[in-house]
Amino acid sequence: MKLRLVSLSVAGLLLTACANTQATKVTTADVVNKQWQLVSVDNQAVTPMGNKLPKIHIDSTLKATGVAGCNNFFGQAQWQDGQLRIEKMGMTMMMCPPPLDEIEQGITATLSDWSAVTLDKNTLILQGAEHTLVYQQAE
């Protein structure tokens, strides 16, 4: 019985150690001064319509700019405990055709509220309360 308990304890410690070494904390330095192009919203691929591609750029002062679908946006990004939001987001007000209108609503809702930030190589994932945005680093 003691051997079984020791084995389970060791296995638990090993699994915890492996999980902790794989998880890396994303910092603002990992995200800023890079162009990020949206590739999916809620696991649905985003296909560009026209010459405006949904994208985001955050500079070293955390000023955020980009395209939410067909409208440009701007605001001051905030970073806290691995989460990101754009405070007081402003944007142009053109009418977006479907499906860009729904994509844009998901993007603005996610960026305006706190979203958990994950970075996997050149893929930036913003997990909001209602939507998940996946961006690829543009060249």
N, C-alpha and C. Protein backbone atom coordinates (compact mmCIF):
# COMPACT_ATOMS: atom_id res chain seq x y z
N MET A 1 0.82 -1.19 0.00
CA MET A 1 0.00 0.00 0.00
C MET A 1 0.87 1.27 0.00
N LYS A 2 1.95 1.26 0.82
CA LYS A 2 2.83 2.42 0.87
C LYS A 2 3.52 2.64 -0.46
N LEU A 3 3.91 1.54 -1.13
CA LEU A 3 4.57 1.65 -2.42
C LEU A 3 3.64 2.30 -3.44
N ARG A 4 2.38 1.94 -3.41
CA ARG A 4 1.41 2.50 -4.34
C ARG A 4 1.24 4.00 -4.10
N LEU A 5 1.17 4.43 -2.81
CA LEU A 5 1.03 5.84 -2.49
C LEU A 5 2.26 6.62 -2.92
N VAL A 6 3.44 6.07 -2.71
CA VAL A 6 4.67 6.73 -3.13
C VAL A 6 4.71 6.86 -4.64
N SER A 7 4.33 5.81 -5.35
CA SER A 7 4.32 5.83 -6.81
C SER A 7 3.36 6.90 -7.33
N LEU A 8 2.17 6.98 -6.74
CA LEU A 8 1.20 8.00 -7.15
C LEU A 8 1.71 9.40 -6.86
N SER A 9 2.36 9.59 -5.72
CA SER A 9 2.90 10.90 -5.37
C SER A 9 3.99 11.32 -6.34
N VAL A 10 4.90 10.39 -6.67
CA VAL A 10 5.98 10.69 -7.60
C VAL A 10 5.41 11.01 -8.98
N ALA A 11 4.43 10.23 -9.42
CA ALA A 11 3.81 10.48 -10.73
C ALA A 11 3.16 11.85 -10.76
N GLY A 12 2.49 12.22 -9.68
CA GLY A 12 1.85 13.54 -9.61
C GLY A 12 2.87 14.66 -9.67
N LEU A 13 3.98 14.51 -8.97
CA LEU A 13 5.03 15.52 -9.00
C LEU A 13 5.64 15.65 -10.38
N LEU A 14 5.87 14.54 -11.05
CA LEU A 14 6.43 14.57 -12.40
C LEU A 14 5.50 15.26 -13.37
N LEU A 15 4.21 14.95 -13.29
CA LEU A 15 3.24 15.59 -14.18
C LEU A 15 3.16 17.08 -13.91
N THR A 16 3.21 17.47 -12.66
CA THR A 16 3.19 18.89 -12.32
C THR A 16 4.43 19.58 -12.85
N ALA A 17 5.58 18.97 -12.69
CA ALA A 17 6.83 19.57 -13.18
C ALA A 17 6.80 19.72 -14.68
N CYS A 18 6.31 18.71 -15.39
CA CYS A 18 6.24 18.79 -16.86
C CYS A 18 5.29 19.90 -17.29
N ALA A 19 4.16 20.01 -16.63
CA ALA A 19 3.19 21.04 -17.00
C ALA A 19 3.76 22.42 -16.75
N ASN A 20 4.50 22.60 -15.66
CA ASN A 20 5.06 23.91 -15.35
C ASN A 20 6.18 24.31 -16.30
N THR A 21 6.94 23.36 -16.82
CA THR A 21 8.03 23.73 -17.72
C THR A 21 7.50 24.07 -19.11
N GLN A 22 6.34 23.56 -19.49
CA GLN A 22 5.79 23.84 -20.80
C GLN A 22 5.07 25.19 -20.84
N ALA A 23 4.52 25.63 -19.73
CA ALA A 23 3.77 26.89 -19.69
C ALA A 23 4.76 28.04 -19.51
N THR A 24 4.78 28.97 -20.44
CA THR A 24 5.63 30.13 -20.31
C THR A 24 4.74 31.36 -20.24
N LYS A 25 5.14 32.30 -19.42
CA LYS A 25 4.35 33.51 -19.24
C LYS A 25 4.61 34.46 -20.40
N VAL A 26 3.54 34.95 -21.00
CA VAL A 26 3.64 35.89 -22.10
C VAL A 26 3.81 37.29 -21.51
N THR A 27 4.74 38.04 -22.05
CA THR A 27 4.97 39.42 -21.60
C THR A 27 4.64 40.38 -22.73
N THR A 28 4.56 41.65 -22.42
CA THR A 28 4.29 42.64 -23.46
C THR A 28 5.39 42.64 -24.52
N ALA A 29 6.63 42.37 -24.10
CA ALA A 29 7.74 42.33 -25.07
C ALA A 29 7.53 41.28 -26.14
N ASP A 30 6.81 40.22 -25.82
CA ASP A 30 6.53 39.16 -26.79
C ASP A 30 5.53 39.59 -27.86
N VAL A 31 4.74 40.60 -27.56
CA VAL A 31 3.61 40.97 -28.41
C VAL A 31 3.80 42.31 -29.13
N VAL A 32 4.46 43.26 -28.47
CA VAL A 32 4.55 44.61 -29.04
C VAL A 32 5.50 44.70 -30.22
N ASN A 33 5.27 45.75 -31.02
CA ASN A 33 6.08 46.07 -32.20
C ASN A 33 6.09 44.94 -33.24
N LYS A 34 4.98 44.23 -33.31
CA LYS A 34 4.80 43.17 -34.31
C LYS A 34 3.43 43.35 -34.94
N GLN A 35 3.33 42.98 -36.20
CA GLN A 35 2.03 42.99 -36.89
C GLN A 35 1.39 41.63 -36.71
N TRP A 36 0.13 41.61 -36.29
CA TRP A 36 -0.61 40.36 -36.09
C TRP A 36 -1.83 40.37 -37.00
N GLN A 37 -1.95 39.35 -37.83
CA GLN A 37 -3.07 39.24 -38.76
C GLN A 37 -4.04 38.17 -38.25
N LEU A 38 -5.32 38.51 -38.21
CA LEU A 38 -6.35 37.59 -37.72
C LEU A 38 -6.53 36.43 -38.68
N VAL A 39 -6.51 35.20 -38.14
CA VAL A 39 -6.72 34.02 -38.98
C VAL A 39 -7.99 33.27 -38.61
N SER A 40 -8.47 33.42 -37.35
CA SER A 40 -9.73 32.76 -37.01
C SER A 40 -10.40 33.44 -35.82
N VAL A 41 -11.72 33.32 -35.81
CA VAL A 41 -12.55 33.76 -34.69
C VAL A 41 -13.40 32.57 -34.30
N ASP A 42 -13.29 32.15 -33.06
CA ASP A 42 -14.06 31.01 -32.56
C ASP A 42 -13.88 29.77 -33.44
N ASN A 43 -12.65 29.50 -33.81
CA ASN A 43 -12.27 28.33 -34.64
C ASN A 43 -12.83 28.38 -36.06
N GLN A 44 -13.32 29.53 -36.50
CA GLN A 44 -13.80 29.71 -37.86
C GLN A 44 -12.77 30.56 -38.62
N ALA A 45 -12.26 30.04 -39.71
CA ALA A 45 -11.24 30.76 -40.48
C ALA A 45 -11.79 32.09 -40.99
N VAL A 46 -10.93 33.09 -40.97
CA VAL A 46 -11.29 34.42 -41.47
C VAL A 46 -10.65 34.56 -42.85
N THR A 47 -11.48 34.77 -43.85
CA THR A 47 -10.96 34.99 -45.20
C THR A 47 -11.06 36.47 -45.51
N PRO A 48 -9.97 37.06 -45.99
CA PRO A 48 -9.99 38.49 -46.27
C PRO A 48 -10.97 38.85 -47.37
N MET A 49 -11.64 39.97 -47.18
CA MET A 49 -12.54 40.49 -48.20
C MET A 49 -12.00 41.86 -48.61
N GLY A 50 -11.67 42.02 -49.86
CA GLY A 50 -11.10 43.28 -50.31
C GLY A 50 -9.66 43.41 -49.87
N ASN A 51 -9.21 44.64 -49.71
CA ASN A 51 -7.80 44.84 -49.37
C ASN A 51 -7.57 45.10 -47.88
N LYS A 52 -8.61 45.10 -47.06
CA LYS A 52 -8.45 45.28 -45.62
C LYS A 52 -8.48 43.93 -44.93
N LEU A 53 -7.39 43.65 -44.25
CA LEU A 53 -7.30 42.41 -43.49
C LEU A 53 -7.42 42.72 -42.01
N PRO A 54 -8.24 41.96 -41.26
CA PRO A 54 -8.29 42.19 -39.81
C PRO A 54 -6.90 41.97 -39.21
N LYS A 55 -6.42 42.98 -38.47
CA LYS A 55 -5.08 42.90 -37.91
C LYS A 55 -4.98 43.81 -36.70
N ILE A 56 -3.89 43.64 -35.97
CA ILE A 56 -3.63 44.48 -34.80
C ILE A 56 -2.13 44.72 -34.69
N HIS A 57 -1.79 45.91 -34.23
CA HIS A 57 -0.41 46.27 -33.93
C HIS A 57 -0.43 47.03 -32.61
N ILE A 58 0.47 46.67 -31.71
CA ILE A 58 0.60 47.36 -30.44
C ILE A 58 2.05 47.83 -30.35
N ASP A 59 2.24 49.15 -30.19
CA ASP A 59 3.61 49.66 -30.16
C ASP A 59 4.17 49.61 -28.73
N SER A 60 5.40 50.07 -28.56
CA SER A 60 6.07 49.96 -27.27
C SER A 60 5.43 50.82 -26.18
N THR A 61 4.61 51.81 -26.56
CA THR A 61 3.89 52.62 -25.57
C THR A 61 2.50 52.02 -25.31
N LEU A 62 2.24 50.86 -25.88
CA LEU A 62 0.97 50.13 -25.80
C LEU A 62 -0.17 50.82 -26.54
N LYS A 63 0.17 51.68 -27.49
CA LYS A 63 -0.86 52.23 -28.37
C LYS A 63 -1.24 51.13 -29.36
N ALA A 64 -2.53 50.84 -29.43
CA ALA A 64 -3.03 49.77 -30.30
C ALA A 64 -3.74 50.37 -31.51
N THR A 65 -3.44 49.82 -32.68
CA THR A 65 -4.12 50.22 -33.91
C THR A 65 -4.38 48.96 -34.72
N GLY A 66 -5.35 49.04 -35.62
CA GLY A 66 -5.60 47.89 -36.47
C GLY A 66 -6.88 48.01 -37.26
N VAL A 67 -7.27 46.88 -37.81
CA VAL A 67 -8.50 46.76 -38.58
C VAL A 67 -9.33 45.66 -37.92
N ALA A 68 -10.60 45.96 -37.62
CA ALA A 68 -11.46 44.99 -36.96
C ALA A 68 -12.26 44.15 -37.94
N GLY A 69 -12.30 44.52 -39.17
CA GLY A 69 -13.06 43.83 -40.21
C GLY A 69 -13.02 44.72 -41.42
N CYS A 70 -13.82 45.79 -41.35
CA CYS A 70 -13.72 46.81 -42.39
C CYS A 70 -13.44 48.18 -41.77
N ASN A 71 -13.56 48.29 -40.47
CA ASN A 71 -13.29 49.55 -39.77
C ASN A 71 -11.94 49.53 -39.08
N ASN A 72 -11.26 50.68 -39.12
CA ASN A 72 -10.00 50.84 -38.40
C ASN A 72 -10.32 51.15 -36.93
N PHE A 73 -9.44 50.69 -36.03
CA PHE A 73 -9.62 51.00 -34.61
C PHE A 73 -8.32 51.49 -34.02
N PHE A 74 -8.44 52.10 -32.84
CA PHE A 74 -7.27 52.59 -32.11
C PHE A 74 -7.64 52.68 -30.64
N GLY A 75 -6.65 52.69 -29.79
CA GLY A 75 -6.88 52.83 -28.36
C GLY A 75 -5.61 52.54 -27.60
N GLN A 76 -5.70 52.60 -26.29
CA GLN A 76 -4.57 52.33 -25.42
C GLN A 76 -4.72 50.93 -24.84
N ALA A 77 -3.77 50.07 -25.18
CA ALA A 77 -3.80 48.71 -24.65
C ALA A 77 -3.39 48.72 -23.18
N GLN A 78 -3.96 47.81 -22.44
CA GLN A 78 -3.58 47.61 -21.04
C GLN A 78 -3.20 46.14 -20.88
N TRP A 79 -2.18 45.92 -20.06
CA TRP A 79 -1.66 44.57 -19.83
C TRP A 79 -1.66 44.32 -18.34
N GLN A 80 -2.28 43.22 -17.92
CA GLN A 80 -2.34 42.92 -16.49
C GLN A 80 -2.45 41.42 -16.29
N ASP A 81 -1.49 40.85 -15.59
CA ASP A 81 -1.51 39.43 -15.22
C ASP A 81 -1.77 38.51 -16.42
N GLY A 82 -1.08 38.75 -17.53
CA GLY A 82 -1.24 37.90 -18.71
C GLY A 82 -2.53 38.13 -19.47
N GLN A 83 -3.19 39.25 -19.20
CA GLN A 83 -4.42 39.59 -19.92
C GLN A 83 -4.25 40.94 -20.59
N LEU A 84 -5.00 41.12 -21.66
CA LEU A 84 -4.91 42.31 -22.48
C LEU A 84 -6.30 42.86 -22.76
N ARG A 85 -6.40 44.19 -22.82
CA ARG A 85 -7.62 44.84 -23.30
C ARG A 85 -7.23 46.18 -23.90
N ILE A 86 -8.09 46.70 -24.74
CA ILE A 86 -7.88 48.03 -25.30
C ILE A 86 -8.94 48.93 -24.68
N GLU A 87 -8.44 49.88 -23.90
CA GLU A 87 -9.33 50.79 -23.19
C GLU A 87 -9.78 51.91 -24.12
N LYS A 88 -11.04 52.28 -23.99
CA LYS A 88 -11.63 53.39 -24.74
C LYS A 88 -11.32 53.29 -26.23
N MET A 89 -11.65 52.14 -26.80
CA MET A 89 -11.39 51.91 -28.22
C MET A 89 -12.23 52.84 -29.07
N GLY A 90 -11.57 53.49 -30.01
CA GLY A 90 -12.27 54.31 -30.99
C GLY A 90 -12.14 53.64 -32.34
N MET A 91 -13.09 53.93 -33.22
CA MET A 91 -13.02 53.33 -34.55
C MET A 91 -13.84 54.10 -35.56
N THR A 92 -13.50 53.87 -36.82
CA THR A 92 -14.31 54.43 -37.90
C THR A 92 -15.66 53.74 -37.88
N MET A 93 -16.63 54.26 -38.59
CA MET A 93 -18.00 53.73 -38.49
C MET A 93 -18.60 53.37 -39.85
N MET A 94 -17.83 52.69 -40.69
CA MET A 94 -18.37 52.23 -41.97
C MET A 94 -19.24 51.00 -41.74
N MET A 95 -20.24 50.84 -42.58
CA MET A 95 -21.07 49.65 -42.49
C MET A 95 -20.34 48.48 -43.12
N CYS A 96 -20.26 47.38 -42.39
CA CYS A 96 -19.56 46.19 -42.89
C CYS A 96 -20.55 45.20 -43.47
N PRO A 97 -20.23 44.62 -44.62
CA PRO A 97 -21.10 43.60 -45.18
C PRO A 97 -20.90 42.27 -44.44
N PRO A 98 -21.91 41.40 -44.47
CA PRO A 98 -21.74 40.07 -43.89
C PRO A 98 -20.65 39.31 -44.66
N PRO A 99 -19.87 38.49 -44.08
CA PRO A 99 -19.81 38.12 -42.66
C PRO A 99 -18.87 39.02 -41.86
N LEU A 100 -18.29 40.06 -42.48
CA LEU A 100 -17.38 40.94 -41.76
C LEU A 100 -18.04 41.64 -40.58
N ASP A 101 -19.33 41.91 -40.67
CA ASP A 101 -20.01 42.58 -39.57
C ASP A 101 -19.96 41.75 -38.29
N GLU A 102 -20.20 40.44 -38.42
CA GLU A 102 -20.16 39.56 -37.25
C GLU A 102 -18.73 39.37 -36.75
N ILE A 103 -17.78 39.25 -37.68
CA ILE A 103 -16.38 39.12 -37.30
C ILE A 103 -15.95 40.36 -36.53
N GLU A 104 -16.31 41.52 -37.04
CA GLU A 104 -15.93 42.78 -36.41
C GLU A 104 -16.53 42.90 -35.00
N GLN A 105 -17.76 42.50 -34.83
CA GLN A 105 -18.40 42.56 -33.51
C GLN A 105 -17.66 41.66 -32.52
N GLY A 106 -17.27 40.47 -32.96
CA GLY A 106 -16.52 39.56 -32.09
C GLY A 106 -15.16 40.12 -31.73
N ILE A 107 -14.49 40.73 -32.71
CA ILE A 107 -13.17 41.31 -32.46
C ILE A 107 -13.26 42.45 -31.47
N THR A 108 -14.18 43.39 -31.71
CA THR A 108 -14.26 44.56 -30.82
C THR A 108 -14.70 44.18 -29.41
N ALA A 109 -15.61 43.22 -29.30
CA ALA A 109 -16.04 42.77 -27.96
C ALA A 109 -14.87 42.14 -27.21
N THR A 110 -14.06 41.35 -27.89
CA THR A 110 -12.94 40.66 -27.25
C THR A 110 -11.83 41.64 -26.89
N LEU A 111 -11.50 42.56 -27.80
CA LEU A 111 -10.42 43.51 -27.52
C LEU A 111 -10.80 44.54 -26.47
N SER A 112 -12.08 44.86 -26.33
CA SER A 112 -12.53 45.88 -25.38
C SER A 112 -12.57 45.36 -23.94
N ASP A 113 -12.61 44.06 -23.78
CA ASP A 113 -12.68 43.46 -22.45
C ASP A 113 -11.39 42.68 -22.20
N TRP A 114 -11.13 42.32 -20.97
CA TRP A 114 -9.92 41.55 -20.65
C TRP A 114 -9.95 40.19 -21.32
N SER A 115 -8.87 39.86 -22.00
CA SER A 115 -8.71 38.58 -22.68
C SER A 115 -7.39 37.95 -22.25
N ALA A 116 -7.42 36.65 -21.98
CA ALA A 116 -6.20 35.93 -21.65
C ALA A 116 -5.33 35.82 -22.90
N VAL A 117 -4.03 36.04 -22.74
CA VAL A 117 -3.10 36.05 -23.87
C VAL A 117 -2.25 34.79 -23.82
N THR A 118 -2.21 34.07 -24.95
CA THR A 118 -1.35 32.91 -25.11
C THR A 118 -0.53 33.12 -26.37
N LEU A 119 0.72 32.73 -26.32
CA LEU A 119 1.59 32.85 -27.47
C LEU A 119 2.23 31.51 -27.74
N ASP A 120 2.06 31.00 -28.97
CA ASP A 120 2.65 29.74 -29.38
C ASP A 120 3.42 30.00 -30.66
N LYS A 121 4.73 30.17 -30.53
CA LYS A 121 5.61 30.54 -31.64
C LYS A 121 5.12 31.84 -32.26
N ASN A 122 4.59 31.82 -33.47
CA ASN A 122 4.12 33.03 -34.16
C ASN A 122 2.61 33.16 -34.14
N THR A 123 1.96 32.52 -33.18
CA THR A 123 0.51 32.56 -33.07
C THR A 123 0.11 33.19 -31.75
N LEU A 124 -0.67 34.28 -31.85
CA LEU A 124 -1.16 35.00 -30.69
C LEU A 124 -2.64 34.65 -30.51
N ILE A 125 -2.99 34.17 -29.33
CA ILE A 125 -4.37 33.78 -29.05
C ILE A 125 -4.92 34.66 -27.94
N LEU A 126 -6.05 35.30 -28.21
CA LEU A 126 -6.74 36.11 -27.22
C LEU A 126 -8.05 35.41 -26.87
N GLN A 127 -8.15 34.94 -25.64
CA GLN A 127 -9.32 34.21 -25.18
C GLN A 127 -10.17 35.14 -24.32
N GLY A 128 -11.27 35.62 -24.91
CA GLY A 128 -12.17 36.51 -24.19
C GLY A 128 -13.30 35.72 -23.54
N ALA A 129 -14.22 36.43 -22.93
CA ALA A 129 -15.36 35.80 -22.26
C ALA A 129 -16.27 35.08 -23.25
N GLU A 130 -16.40 35.64 -24.46
CA GLU A 130 -17.32 35.06 -25.45
C GLU A 130 -16.64 34.57 -26.72
N HIS A 131 -15.46 35.12 -27.04
CA HIS A 131 -14.82 34.79 -28.31
C HIS A 131 -13.34 34.50 -28.14
N THR A 132 -12.82 33.72 -29.08
CA THR A 132 -11.39 33.43 -29.15
C THR A 132 -10.87 33.95 -30.48
N LEU A 133 -9.87 34.84 -30.40
CA LEU A 133 -9.25 35.40 -31.61
C LEU A 133 -7.88 34.79 -31.76
N VAL A 134 -7.57 34.32 -32.97
CA VAL A 134 -6.25 33.75 -33.24
C VAL A 134 -5.59 34.59 -34.34
N TYR A 135 -4.43 35.13 -34.00
CA TYR A 135 -3.65 35.96 -34.92
C TYR A 135 -2.34 35.27 -35.25
N GLN A 136 -1.87 35.46 -36.48
CA GLN A 136 -0.54 35.01 -36.92
C GLN A 136 0.33 36.24 -37.07
N GLN A 137 1.59 36.10 -36.69
CA GLN A 137 2.51 37.22 -36.88
C GLN A 137 2.74 37.41 -38.36
N ALA A 138 2.51 38.62 -38.83
CA ALA A 138 2.72 38.94 -40.25
C ALA A 138 4.19 39.27 -40.48
N GLU A 139 4.63 39.01 -41.68
CA GLU A 139 6.04 39.28 -42.01
C GLU A 139 6.25 40.69 -42.48
